[in-house]
Protein backbone atom coordinates (compact mmCIF):
# COMPACT_ATOMS: atom_id res chain seq x y z
CA MET A 1 -7.89 -0.48 -0.52
CA ILE A 2 -10.61 -1.79 -2.79
CA VAL A 3 -12.46 -4.68 -1.15
CA CYS A 4 -14.79 -7.05 -2.96
CA SER A 5 -17.82 -8.15 -0.98
CA GLN A 6 -18.05 -11.41 -2.96
CA SER A 7 -14.44 -12.53 -2.40
CA LYS A 8 -11.60 -12.36 0.11
CA GLN A 9 -9.35 -10.76 -2.48
CA SER A 10 -8.76 -7.03 -2.50
CA ILE A 11 -6.80 -4.46 -4.46
CA LEU A 12 -4.26 -2.20 -2.82
CA SER A 13 -4.16 1.15 -4.60
CA VAL A 14 -1.59 3.92 -4.42
CA ARG A 15 -2.21 7.22 -6.15
CA ASP A 16 0.21 10.08 -6.62
CA ARG A 17 -1.76 13.32 -6.48
CA LYS A 18 0.74 15.44 -8.36
CA THR A 19 1.41 13.16 -11.37
CA ARG A 20 -1.96 11.37 -11.15
CA HIS A 21 -0.27 7.99 -11.54
CA THR A 22 -2.04 5.03 -9.94
CA TRP A 23 -0.46 1.71 -9.01
CA LEU A 24 -2.49 -1.39 -8.10
CA GLU A 25 -1.56 -4.65 -6.40
CA PHE A 26 -3.79 -7.66 -5.71
CA VAL A 27 -4.02 -8.81 -2.09
CA ASP A 28 -5.21 -12.33 -1.22
CA ASN A 29 -6.62 -11.36 2.18
CA LEU A 30 -6.77 -8.41 4.56
CA GLU A 31 -4.31 -9.71 7.14
CA ALA A 32 -1.75 -7.10 8.18
CA GLN A 33 1.23 -9.25 7.12
CA THR A 34 -0.25 -9.88 3.66
CA VAL A 35 -0.99 -6.19 3.14
CA ARG A 36 2.52 -5.25 4.32
CA GLN A 37 4.05 -7.62 1.75
CA ALA A 38 1.81 -6.19 -0.98
CA ILE A 39 2.87 -2.65 -0.06
CA ILE A 40 6.54 -3.62 -0.35
CA LYS A 41 5.95 -5.20 -3.75
CA LEU A 42 3.94 -2.24 -5.00
CA VAL A 43 6.20 0.53 -3.71
CA GLN A 44 9.26 -1.02 -5.31
CA ARG A 45 7.63 -0.25 -8.68
CA ILE A 46 7.21 3.43 -7.79
CA PRO A 47 10.13 5.76 -8.57
CA PRO A 48 11.88 6.92 -5.35
CA SER A 49 11.14 10.55 -6.14
CA LEU A 50 7.40 9.81 -5.94
CA ARG A 51 7.41 7.86 -2.67
CA ARG A 52 8.55 10.48 -0.23
CA THR A 53 5.26 10.76 1.66
CA CYS A 54 2.50 8.23 2.17
CA THR A 55 -0.77 8.23 4.02
CA PHE A 56 -2.46 4.96 4.93
CA ASP A 57 -5.94 4.15 6.14
CA ARG A 58 -6.40 3.31 9.81
CA GLY A 59 -7.85 -0.16 9.25
CA SER A 60 -6.37 -3.20 11.00
CA GLU A 61 -4.98 -4.41 7.65
CA PHE A 62 -2.48 -1.52 7.83
CA ALA A 63 -1.32 -2.36 11.38
CA GLU A 64 2.23 -3.22 10.22
CA VAL A 65 2.74 -0.18 7.97
CA HIS A 66 4.76 1.75 10.57
CA GLN A 67 7.43 -0.97 10.29
CA LEU A 68 7.91 -0.05 6.63
CA GLN A 69 8.66 3.65 6.94
CA SER A 70 12.44 3.34 7.11
CA PHE A 71 12.50 0.46 4.61
CA LEU A 72 10.50 2.41 2.07
CA GLY A 73 12.12 5.76 2.80
CA VAL A 74 8.83 7.53 3.36
CA VAL A 75 7.57 10.00 5.92
CA ASN A 76 4.08 9.49 7.26
């Protein structure tokens, strides 16, 4: 997550280590529900073969991520 100190907006970033692809999604605030929705939107753009495992930060903005594991088809 890239957070701007001058604004409430942030950028959610996902990087695949093997292919070195990076996907970005703007987030209006750091509330868990907003971040969860941004993750859904972002991951749907990633090919299924590249979204088998994910690791998320432990910040409160990722509090709802565990609810997405079965939806996204990832293993944490």
